[in-house]
Protein backbone atom coordinates (compact mmCIF):
# COMPACT_ATOMS: atom_id res chain seq x y z
CA MET A 1 99.49 96.45 118.88
CA LEU A 2 101.51 93.33 116.42
CA ASP A 3 102.61 90.37 118.40
CA ASP A 4 105.27 88.78 116.01
CA LEU A 5 108.69 90.13 116.62
CA GLN A 6 109.62 90.07 112.74
CA ALA A 7 106.20 91.99 112.04
CA GLN A 8 106.95 94.64 114.95
CA ALA A 9 110.59 95.02 113.48
CA GLN A 10 109.20 95.39 109.76
CA ARG A 11 106.94 98.04 111.41
CA CYS A 12 109.59 99.48 113.12
CA SER A 13 111.87 99.45 110.17
CA GLU A 14 109.09 101.42 108.01
CA LEU A 15 108.71 104.08 110.48
CA ILE A 16 112.78 104.59 110.44
CA LYS A 17 112.57 104.99 106.88
CA GLN A 18 109.08 106.99 106.94
CA SER A 19 110.91 109.55 109.61
CA LYS A 20 113.22 112.48 108.45
CA SER A 21 113.75 113.28 112.45
CA ILE A 22 114.47 110.63 115.16
CA SER A 23 114.94 111.32 119.12
CA VAL A 24 115.23 108.86 121.67
CA LEU A 25 115.33 108.49 125.24
CA THR A 26 117.14 105.21 126.48
CA GLY A 27 117.50 103.93 130.28
CA ALA A 28 119.28 100.90 132.04
CA GLY A 29 117.31 98.23 129.87
CA ILE A 30 119.79 99.23 126.64
CA SER A 31 122.82 98.56 129.09
CA THR A 32 122.29 95.01 130.24
CA GLY A 33 123.11 93.54 127.43
CA ALA A 34 126.40 94.66 127.99
CA GLY A 35 126.54 93.58 131.48
CA ILE A 36 125.49 95.83 133.77
CA PRO A 37 122.43 95.07 135.72
CA ASP A 38 119.20 96.88 135.72
CA PHE A 39 119.26 98.65 138.84
CA ARG A 40 115.10 98.35 139.22
CA GLY A 41 115.69 94.57 136.92
CA PRO A 42 115.27 91.24 138.66
CA GLN A 43 119.35 91.24 140.15
CA GLY A 44 119.24 95.35 140.44
CA LEU A 45 120.45 97.34 143.21
CA TYR A 46 116.76 97.90 144.17
CA VAL A 47 116.07 94.14 144.46
CA SER A 48 119.25 92.62 145.64
CA ARG A 49 120.11 94.98 148.24
CA GLN A 50 123.58 94.40 147.68
CA TYR A 51 123.74 98.34 147.99
CA ASP A 52 121.61 100.69 149.90
CA PRO A 53 120.33 102.89 147.24
CA ASP A 54 119.06 105.72 149.98
CA LYS A 55 122.81 105.94 151.33
CA VAL A 56 124.55 105.21 147.66
CA PHE A 57 122.93 107.84 145.53
CA ASP A 58 121.16 110.71 148.16
CA ILE A 59 123.12 113.49 147.93
CA ASN A 60 122.10 114.84 151.83
CA TYR A 61 123.72 111.14 152.76
CA PHE A 62 126.93 111.15 150.55
CA LEU A 63 127.58 114.61 151.94
CA THR A 64 127.75 112.98 155.67
CA ASP A 65 129.07 110.16 154.68
CA PRO A 66 130.70 109.94 150.96
CA LYS A 67 131.60 105.77 151.91
CA PRO A 68 128.65 103.95 150.61
CA PHE A 69 129.33 105.68 147.44
CA PHE A 70 132.19 105.32 146.82
CA ASP A 71 131.98 101.59 147.54
CA PHE A 72 129.32 101.22 144.37
CA ALA A 73 131.66 103.70 142.85
CA ARG A 74 134.54 101.25 142.53
CA ASP A 75 132.74 97.86 141.68
CA PHE A 76 131.12 100.13 139.03
CA ILE A 77 134.18 101.53 137.76
CA THR A 78 135.76 97.67 137.68
CA LEU A 79 132.71 96.45 135.66
CA GLU A 80 132.39 99.34 133.40
CA ALA A 81 135.94 98.80 132.23
CA LYS A 82 135.28 95.52 130.85
CA ILE A 83 131.77 96.34 129.19
CA LYS A 84 131.30 97.37 125.38
CA PRO A 85 128.56 99.14 123.80
CA THR A 86 125.94 96.18 122.76
CA PHE A 87 124.28 95.87 119.26
CA THR A 88 121.62 98.49 120.09
CA HIS A 89 123.92 101.28 120.71
CA ARG A 90 126.05 100.72 117.89
CA PHE A 91 122.82 101.00 115.59
CA LEU A 92 121.44 104.14 117.36
CA SER A 93 125.54 105.50 116.05
CA ASP A 94 124.13 104.40 113.11
CA LEU A 95 121.26 106.32 112.68
CA GLU A 96 122.96 109.14 113.85
CA SER A 97 126.14 109.30 110.99
CA GLN A 98 122.79 108.48 108.50
CA GLY A 99 121.92 111.77 109.46
CA LYS A 100 118.35 110.41 110.66
CA LEU A 101 118.80 110.59 114.33
CA LYS A 102 119.07 114.01 115.74
CA GLY A 103 120.34 112.96 119.48
CA ILE A 104 119.73 110.89 122.68
CA ILE A 105 118.62 111.56 126.05
CA THR A 106 119.97 109.12 128.10
CA GLN A 107 119.42 108.08 131.91
CA ASN A 108 122.61 106.40 131.94
CA ILE A 109 125.65 106.77 133.04
CA ASP A 110 127.70 104.30 132.06
CA ALA A 111 128.89 106.95 128.50
CA LEU A 112 128.13 103.97 126.12
CA HIS A 113 126.35 105.74 123.49
CA GLN A 114 129.76 107.82 123.11
CA GLN A 115 131.76 104.47 123.29
CA ALA A 116 129.46 103.32 120.34
CA GLY A 117 130.08 106.76 118.33
CA SER A 118 127.37 108.75 119.20
CA GLU A 119 128.13 112.35 119.51
CA ASN A 120 124.71 114.34 120.60
CA VAL A 121 123.98 112.75 123.87
CA LEU A 122 122.28 114.56 126.62
CA GLU A 123 122.98 112.24 130.06
CA LEU A 124 120.66 113.75 131.99
CA HIS A 125 122.35 111.86 135.14
CA GLY A 126 125.96 112.77 134.76
CA ASN A 127 128.66 110.68 133.97
CA PHE A 128 131.82 109.56 135.77
CA LEU A 129 133.88 111.48 133.50
CA GLU A 130 134.27 114.87 134.66
CA ASN A 131 135.08 115.39 139.03
CA PHE A 132 134.76 118.46 141.32
CA CYS A 133 135.71 118.85 144.31
CA ILE A 134 132.44 120.01 146.48
CA GLU A 135 134.18 122.24 148.55
CA CYS A 136 135.75 124.73 146.08
CA ASP A 137 135.01 123.41 142.74
CA LYS A 138 138.46 122.41 141.84
CA LYS A 139 138.13 119.97 138.74
CA TYR A 140 139.96 116.73 138.47
CA SER A 141 140.54 113.70 135.75
CA TYR A 142 138.92 110.66 135.35
CA GLU A 143 142.37 109.14 135.88
CA PHE A 144 142.91 110.92 138.94
CA VAL A 145 139.59 109.80 140.96
CA LYS A 146 139.65 106.18 139.10
CA ASP A 147 142.76 105.40 140.55
CA LYS A 148 141.94 106.48 144.11
CA ILE A 149 138.03 104.83 143.82
CA THR A 150 139.63 101.48 142.52
CA ARG A 151 142.06 101.46 145.44
CA GLY A 152 139.16 101.57 148.01
CA GLU A 153 140.02 105.17 148.78
CA ILE A 154 138.03 108.22 148.93
CA PRO A 155 139.24 110.89 146.66
CA TYR A 156 139.80 113.94 149.02
CA CYS A 157 140.92 117.74 147.00
CA VAL A 158 144.05 119.70 148.02
CA CYS A 159 141.79 121.53 150.44
CA GLY A 160 140.27 118.59 152.06
CA GLY A 161 136.66 118.51 150.38
CA VAL A 162 135.45 115.44 148.66
CA ILE A 163 135.95 114.82 145.19
CA LYS A 164 132.64 114.16 143.87
CA PRO A 165 132.05 112.34 140.28
CA ASP A 166 129.79 114.62 137.79
CA VAL A 167 126.71 112.21 138.38
CA VAL A 168 123.15 113.29 139.59
CA PHE A 169 122.19 112.06 143.16
CA PHE A 170 118.62 111.83 144.31
CA GLY A 171 118.29 115.51 145.60
CA GLU A 172 119.93 117.02 142.64
CA ASN A 173 118.19 118.63 139.43
CA VAL A 174 119.00 116.71 136.59
CA LYS A 175 120.93 118.34 133.64
CA PHE A 176 120.21 119.32 130.01
CA LEU A 177 116.58 119.19 130.87
CA GLU A 178 115.49 121.63 128.54
CA GLU A 179 117.46 120.61 125.88
CA ALA A 180 116.06 116.97 126.48
CA TYR A 181 112.42 118.61 125.97
CA ALA A 182 113.42 120.55 122.99
CA LEU A 183 114.60 117.58 121.29
CA ALA A 184 111.71 115.34 121.68
CA GLU A 185 109.22 118.41 120.14
CA SER A 186 111.38 118.88 117.35
CA VAL A 187 111.14 114.91 116.01
CA ASP A 188 108.70 113.13 113.83
CA LEU A 189 109.73 109.85 115.76
CA PHE A 190 110.24 109.17 119.48
CA LEU A 191 111.89 105.82 120.53
CA ILE A 192 111.85 105.25 124.17
CA ILE A 193 114.38 102.35 124.48
CA GLY A 194 114.94 100.34 128.29
CA THR A 195 113.48 101.93 130.38
CA SER A 196 109.99 102.01 132.55
CA CYS A 197 109.75 105.97 132.36
CA VAL A 198 108.98 105.89 136.39
CA VAL A 199 111.87 108.08 137.14
CA TYR A 200 110.71 111.74 137.15
CA PRO A 201 111.75 114.26 135.57
CA ALA A 202 113.13 111.70 132.57
CA ALA A 203 109.85 110.53 132.42
CA THR A 204 107.99 113.35 131.46
CA ILE A 205 109.71 113.81 128.37
CA PRO A 206 107.97 111.46 125.70
CA SER A 207 104.65 113.79 126.41
CA LEU A 208 106.18 116.76 124.72
CA THR A 209 106.87 114.85 121.74
CA THR A 210 104.27 115.57 118.76
CA GLY A 211 105.74 112.70 116.51
CA LYS A 212 105.11 109.37 117.00
CA VAL A 213 106.70 106.84 119.71
CA VAL A 214 108.12 103.45 119.60
CA VAL A 215 108.36 101.89 122.61
CA VAL A 216 110.90 99.08 123.38
CA ASN A 217 111.46 97.62 126.32
CA GLN A 218 111.35 94.01 128.06
CA GLN A 219 108.58 95.18 130.56
CA ALA A 220 105.60 97.07 129.92
CA VAL A 221 106.17 100.33 129.93
CA ALA A 222 103.10 102.86 131.03
CA ILE A 223 102.76 105.71 129.57
CA PRO A 224 99.82 108.28 128.47
CA SER A 225 100.78 108.46 125.14
CA ALA A 226 98.50 108.97 122.78
CA ASN A 227 101.33 109.24 120.21
CA ILE A 228 102.64 105.40 120.89
CA VAL A 229 101.98 103.54 117.18
CA LEU A 230 104.29 100.20 118.55
CA SER A 231 104.71 99.17 121.67
CA VAL A 232 107.31 96.00 122.00
CA GLN A 233 108.44 93.73 124.71
CA GLU A 234 111.48 91.86 123.60
CA ASP A 235 115.22 91.34 124.19
CA ILE A 236 116.09 94.93 123.11
CA ASP A 237 119.31 93.82 121.12
CA ARG A 238 117.71 90.76 119.37
CA PHE A 239 114.83 93.04 117.96
CA PHE A 240 116.68 95.89 116.91
CA GLN A 241 118.75 93.19 115.09
CA SER A 242 115.83 92.28 113.16
CA VAL A 243 115.09 95.70 112.62
CA ALA A 244 118.37 96.33 111.29
CA GLU A 245 117.73 93.35 109.04
CA CYS A 246 114.46 94.75 107.56
CA LEU A 247 116.30 98.67 106.76
CA VAL A 248 119.05 96.28 104.64
């Protein structure tokens, strides 16, 4: 594998130029530059224990006591209102507008890809924009739920049921998995950005591509794929800024 940042960026740019179709799998690492901590990073939820992930994201616990999730959601929504897409989010949007990038598969719930202008985004873990009552399935707007959450309230439906953002919890099926598999199978270049690929079933997606695989993550990623042609351990935005310069 190449060690020099510039050489790695040059190699990545060549792969992008040669490619006719690209898809991407992104994780929390792509958004740390925007100010959202990686849950599994040094300051993340799973290390700091600021919130107990076994309570926050477990669907069975939520059905018993939704308060831990909404405590987390209040802080997340407040943070989300202040953040902007990173250079890499915008870089991927540009690739899509050029017709190179066919779609993004993301494990993130921050909607930064859409804010950056990407249109074909498969959000495996959902987002906060759609909300529904867990009892009667009545739909509620993001603004309605956001107002309740930011005031420290648990949002309730007119029927008395709890209103749940359409975020995938442990114990629930991920979204768009078949579409993600099909997208991975259809391209000749697959980029893995900002994910350690330890969460299933998202971690199974790279194994389905027959195209060349590029991995960009600050920590090492263990993926059993013979298709990996470039593995980069660098700051993600710094790396893709170099790639963009090579593409000019």
